[in-house]
């Protein structure tokens, strides 16, 4: 699966807040068809930010790696495309 240079997070669990290991990221809402425009969020000097589309509160946690979240499973991953075969 392809990974993004800037982490993308989603809230399929419908939780009020998600802890993440970065201060700059993209919020995708939930999985299709419940997603919203992928919006770039930057906490700046703050330790938390609310997504203006889905109202999820994201909190920075230095204990987490760049592509980790608490609760787990909030990292957005693009679906792998099937390989084309020559013929």
N, C-alpha and C. Protein backbone atom coordinates (compact mmCIF):
# COMPACT_ATOMS: atom_id res chain seq x y z
N UNK A 1 0.83 -1.18 0.00
CA UNK A 1 0.00 0.00 0.00
C UNK A 1 0.87 1.24 0.00
N UNK A 2 0.45 2.19 -0.74
CA UNK A 2 1.20 3.44 -0.81
C UNK A 2 0.98 4.25 0.46
N UNK A 3 2.02 4.89 0.92
CA UNK A 3 1.90 5.77 2.07
C UNK A 3 2.08 7.20 1.59
N UNK A 4 1.48 8.11 2.30
CA UNK A 4 1.57 9.52 1.95
C UNK A 4 2.76 10.16 2.66
N UNK A 5 3.39 11.15 2.02
CA UNK A 5 4.48 11.88 2.66
C UNK A 5 3.95 12.60 3.90
N UNK A 6 2.76 13.16 3.80
CA UNK A 6 2.09 13.77 4.95
C UNK A 6 1.04 12.76 5.40
N UNK A 7 1.06 12.41 6.67
CA UNK A 7 0.13 11.42 7.20
C UNK A 7 -1.31 11.87 6.99
N UNK A 8 -2.16 10.92 6.63
CA UNK A 8 -3.60 11.15 6.48
C UNK A 8 -4.30 10.33 7.56
N UNK A 9 -5.23 10.95 8.26
CA UNK A 9 -5.97 10.24 9.31
C UNK A 9 -7.46 10.29 9.02
N UNK A 10 -8.17 9.27 9.51
CA UNK A 10 -9.62 9.19 9.34
C UNK A 10 -10.25 8.76 10.65
N UNK A 11 -11.54 8.97 10.77
CA UNK A 11 -12.24 8.67 12.01
C UNK A 11 -13.40 7.71 11.76
N UNK A 12 -13.08 6.50 11.29
CA UNK A 12 -14.11 5.49 11.08
C UNK A 12 -14.75 5.04 12.39
N UNK A 13 -14.02 5.19 13.49
CA UNK A 13 -14.53 4.75 14.79
C UNK A 13 -15.54 5.73 15.37
N UNK A 14 -15.58 6.94 14.85
CA UNK A 14 -16.50 7.94 15.35
C UNK A 14 -16.17 8.44 16.74
N UNK A 15 -14.87 8.44 17.10
CA UNK A 15 -14.45 8.90 18.41
C UNK A 15 -14.37 10.42 18.44
N UNK A 16 -14.46 11.00 19.63
CA UNK A 16 -14.42 12.45 19.77
C UNK A 16 -13.02 13.00 19.57
N UNK A 17 -11.98 12.24 19.96
CA UNK A 17 -10.61 12.72 19.79
C UNK A 17 -9.68 11.59 19.40
N UNK A 18 -8.63 11.98 18.68
CA UNK A 18 -7.61 11.05 18.21
C UNK A 18 -6.25 11.64 18.53
N UNK A 19 -5.41 10.86 19.18
CA UNK A 19 -4.03 11.30 19.44
C UNK A 19 -3.18 10.84 18.26
N UNK A 20 -2.29 11.72 17.79
CA UNK A 20 -1.43 11.41 16.66
C UNK A 20 0.00 11.89 16.95
N UNK A 21 0.95 11.37 16.19
CA UNK A 21 2.36 11.67 16.42
C UNK A 21 2.92 12.76 15.54
N UNK A 22 2.07 13.57 14.91
CA UNK A 22 2.51 14.66 14.05
C UNK A 22 1.65 15.90 14.33
N UNK A 23 2.16 17.06 13.92
CA UNK A 23 1.40 18.29 14.09
C UNK A 23 0.87 18.83 12.76
N UNK A 24 1.30 18.25 11.66
CA UNK A 24 0.81 18.60 10.33
C UNK A 24 0.34 17.32 9.66
N UNK A 25 -0.89 17.33 9.16
CA UNK A 25 -1.48 16.11 8.63
C UNK A 25 -2.71 16.44 7.80
N UNK A 26 -3.30 15.43 7.20
CA UNK A 26 -4.55 15.57 6.46
C UNK A 26 -5.63 14.79 7.20
N UNK A 27 -6.82 15.39 7.30
CA UNK A 27 -7.99 14.69 7.84
C UNK A 27 -8.88 14.34 6.66
N UNK A 28 -9.34 13.08 6.65
CA UNK A 28 -10.18 12.59 5.55
C UNK A 28 -11.62 12.34 5.99
N UNK A 29 -11.93 12.55 7.25
CA UNK A 29 -13.26 12.23 7.76
C UNK A 29 -13.33 10.76 8.07
N UNK A 30 -14.19 10.04 7.41
CA UNK A 30 -14.31 8.59 7.55
C UNK A 30 -14.11 7.97 6.17
N UNK A 31 -14.20 6.66 6.11
CA UNK A 31 -14.04 5.99 4.82
C UNK A 31 -15.20 6.33 3.89
N UNK A 32 -14.93 6.28 2.59
CA UNK A 32 -15.92 6.51 1.56
C UNK A 32 -17.12 5.60 1.82
N UNK A 33 -18.32 6.04 1.80
CA UNK A 33 -18.82 7.30 1.28
C UNK A 33 -19.01 8.38 2.35
N UNK A 34 -18.47 8.16 3.52
CA UNK A 34 -18.66 9.11 4.63
C UNK A 34 -17.45 10.02 4.82
N UNK A 35 -16.64 10.15 3.79
CA UNK A 35 -15.46 11.01 3.88
C UNK A 35 -15.85 12.46 3.62
N UNK A 36 -14.88 13.33 3.79
CA UNK A 36 -15.05 14.74 3.43
C UNK A 36 -13.81 15.16 2.67
N UNK A 37 -13.79 16.35 2.10
CA UNK A 37 -12.56 16.77 1.39
C UNK A 37 -11.35 16.59 2.29
N UNK A 38 -10.29 16.07 1.74
CA UNK A 38 -9.06 15.87 2.51
C UNK A 38 -8.49 17.24 2.82
N UNK A 39 -8.53 17.61 4.09
CA UNK A 39 -8.14 18.96 4.50
C UNK A 39 -6.81 18.91 5.26
N UNK A 40 -5.91 19.80 4.86
CA UNK A 40 -4.60 19.92 5.51
C UNK A 40 -4.77 20.69 6.81
N UNK A 41 -4.29 20.12 7.91
CA UNK A 41 -4.36 20.78 9.21
C UNK A 41 -2.97 20.93 9.79
N UNK A 42 -2.69 22.07 10.36
CA UNK A 42 -1.39 22.38 10.96
C UNK A 42 -1.63 22.95 12.35
N UNK A 43 -1.16 22.24 13.36
CA UNK A 43 -1.37 22.68 14.74
C UNK A 43 -0.52 23.89 15.11
N UNK A 44 0.50 24.17 14.33
CA UNK A 44 1.39 25.28 14.65
C UNK A 44 2.05 25.06 16.00
N UNK A 45 1.98 26.04 16.89
CA UNK A 45 2.57 25.92 18.22
C UNK A 45 1.63 25.25 19.22
N UNK A 46 0.43 24.94 18.80
CA UNK A 46 -0.55 24.31 19.69
C UNK A 46 -0.33 22.80 19.75
N UNK A 47 -1.02 22.14 20.63
CA UNK A 47 -0.91 20.69 20.78
C UNK A 47 -2.19 19.98 20.34
N UNK A 48 -3.17 20.74 19.85
CA UNK A 48 -4.41 20.13 19.38
C UNK A 48 -5.08 21.03 18.35
N UNK A 49 -5.97 20.40 17.55
CA UNK A 49 -6.71 21.13 16.53
C UNK A 49 -8.00 20.35 16.24
N UNK A 50 -9.06 21.07 15.90
CA UNK A 50 -10.33 20.47 15.54
C UNK A 50 -10.51 20.56 14.04
N UNK A 51 -10.89 19.45 13.42
CA UNK A 51 -11.16 19.45 11.98
C UNK A 51 -12.43 20.26 11.72
N UNK A 52 -12.37 21.23 10.81
CA UNK A 52 -13.56 22.05 10.54
C UNK A 52 -14.68 21.30 9.82
N UNK A 53 -14.39 20.15 9.24
CA UNK A 53 -15.41 19.38 8.54
C UNK A 53 -16.12 18.37 9.43
N UNK A 54 -15.35 17.55 10.17
CA UNK A 54 -15.95 16.45 10.94
C UNK A 54 -15.92 16.69 12.45
N UNK A 55 -15.30 17.78 12.88
CA UNK A 55 -15.23 18.15 14.31
C UNK A 55 -14.44 17.18 15.17
N UNK A 56 -13.61 16.33 14.56
CA UNK A 56 -12.73 15.46 15.34
C UNK A 56 -11.64 16.31 15.97
N UNK A 57 -11.39 16.08 17.25
CA UNK A 57 -10.31 16.76 17.96
C UNK A 57 -9.05 15.91 17.81
N UNK A 58 -8.00 16.47 17.20
CA UNK A 58 -6.72 15.78 17.07
C UNK A 58 -5.77 16.37 18.09
N UNK A 59 -5.11 15.49 18.85
CA UNK A 59 -4.15 15.92 19.86
C UNK A 59 -2.78 15.33 19.54
N UNK A 60 -1.75 16.16 19.60
CA UNK A 60 -0.38 15.70 19.37
C UNK A 60 0.13 14.95 20.59
N UNK A 61 0.73 13.79 20.34
CA UNK A 61 1.37 13.00 21.39
C UNK A 61 2.79 12.67 20.94
N UNK A 62 3.82 13.22 21.59
CA UNK A 62 5.19 12.92 21.18
C UNK A 62 5.58 11.46 21.40
N UNK A 63 4.76 10.71 22.13
CA UNK A 63 5.04 9.29 22.37
C UNK A 63 4.70 8.44 21.15
N UNK A 64 3.96 9.01 20.19
CA UNK A 64 3.55 8.26 19.00
C UNK A 64 4.45 8.60 17.81
N UNK A 65 4.65 7.62 16.95
CA UNK A 65 5.40 7.84 15.70
C UNK A 65 4.51 8.58 14.71
N UNK A 66 5.10 9.05 13.64
CA UNK A 66 4.40 9.90 12.67
C UNK A 66 3.16 9.24 12.08
N UNK A 67 3.14 7.94 11.91
CA UNK A 67 2.00 7.25 11.31
C UNK A 67 1.26 6.38 12.31
N UNK A 68 1.26 6.80 13.57
CA UNK A 68 0.53 6.09 14.60
C UNK A 68 -0.61 6.95 15.13
N UNK A 69 -1.61 6.30 15.67
CA UNK A 69 -2.73 7.01 16.28
C UNK A 69 -3.20 6.24 17.51
N UNK A 70 -3.84 6.96 18.37
CA UNK A 70 -4.48 6.36 19.54
C UNK A 70 -5.89 6.91 19.58
N UNK A 71 -6.92 6.14 19.35
CA UNK A 71 -6.92 4.69 19.18
C UNK A 71 -6.26 4.27 17.86
N UNK A 72 -5.81 3.02 17.83
CA UNK A 72 -5.17 2.51 16.62
C UNK A 72 -6.21 2.41 15.50
N UNK A 73 -5.71 2.39 14.28
CA UNK A 73 -6.57 2.19 13.13
C UNK A 73 -7.11 3.46 12.51
N UNK A 74 -6.59 4.61 12.89
CA UNK A 74 -7.09 5.87 12.34
C UNK A 74 -6.22 6.39 11.19
N UNK A 75 -5.14 5.70 10.87
CA UNK A 75 -4.30 6.10 9.74
C UNK A 75 -5.01 5.71 8.45
N UNK A 76 -5.18 6.67 7.56
CA UNK A 76 -5.82 6.43 6.27
C UNK A 76 -4.81 5.80 5.32
N UNK A 77 -5.22 4.74 4.67
CA UNK A 77 -4.36 4.08 3.68
C UNK A 77 -5.15 3.96 2.39
N UNK A 78 -4.49 4.27 1.30
CA UNK A 78 -5.15 4.13 0.00
C UNK A 78 -5.19 2.65 -0.37
N UNK A 79 -6.22 2.29 -1.07
CA UNK A 79 -6.35 0.90 -1.52
C UNK A 79 -5.32 0.64 -2.61
N UNK A 80 -4.71 -0.53 -2.58
CA UNK A 80 -3.73 -0.90 -3.60
C UNK A 80 -4.45 -1.15 -4.92
N UNK A 81 -3.88 -0.65 -5.99
CA UNK A 81 -4.45 -0.89 -7.31
C UNK A 81 -3.97 -2.23 -7.82
N UNK A 82 -4.85 -2.98 -8.49
CA UNK A 82 -4.42 -4.25 -9.06
C UNK A 82 -3.38 -4.01 -10.15
N UNK A 83 -2.40 -4.89 -10.22
CA UNK A 83 -1.37 -4.76 -11.23
C UNK A 83 -1.92 -5.17 -12.59
N UNK A 84 -1.52 -4.39 -13.60
CA UNK A 84 -1.92 -4.74 -14.95
C UNK A 84 -0.91 -5.73 -15.51
N UNK A 85 -1.41 -6.66 -16.26
CA UNK A 85 -0.53 -7.64 -16.89
C UNK A 85 -0.46 -7.36 -18.38
N UNK A 86 0.70 -7.52 -18.92
CA UNK A 86 0.87 -7.30 -20.36
C UNK A 86 0.28 -8.45 -21.15
N UNK A 87 -0.18 -8.17 -22.31
CA UNK A 87 -0.73 -9.29 -23.05
C UNK A 87 -1.32 -8.99 -24.32
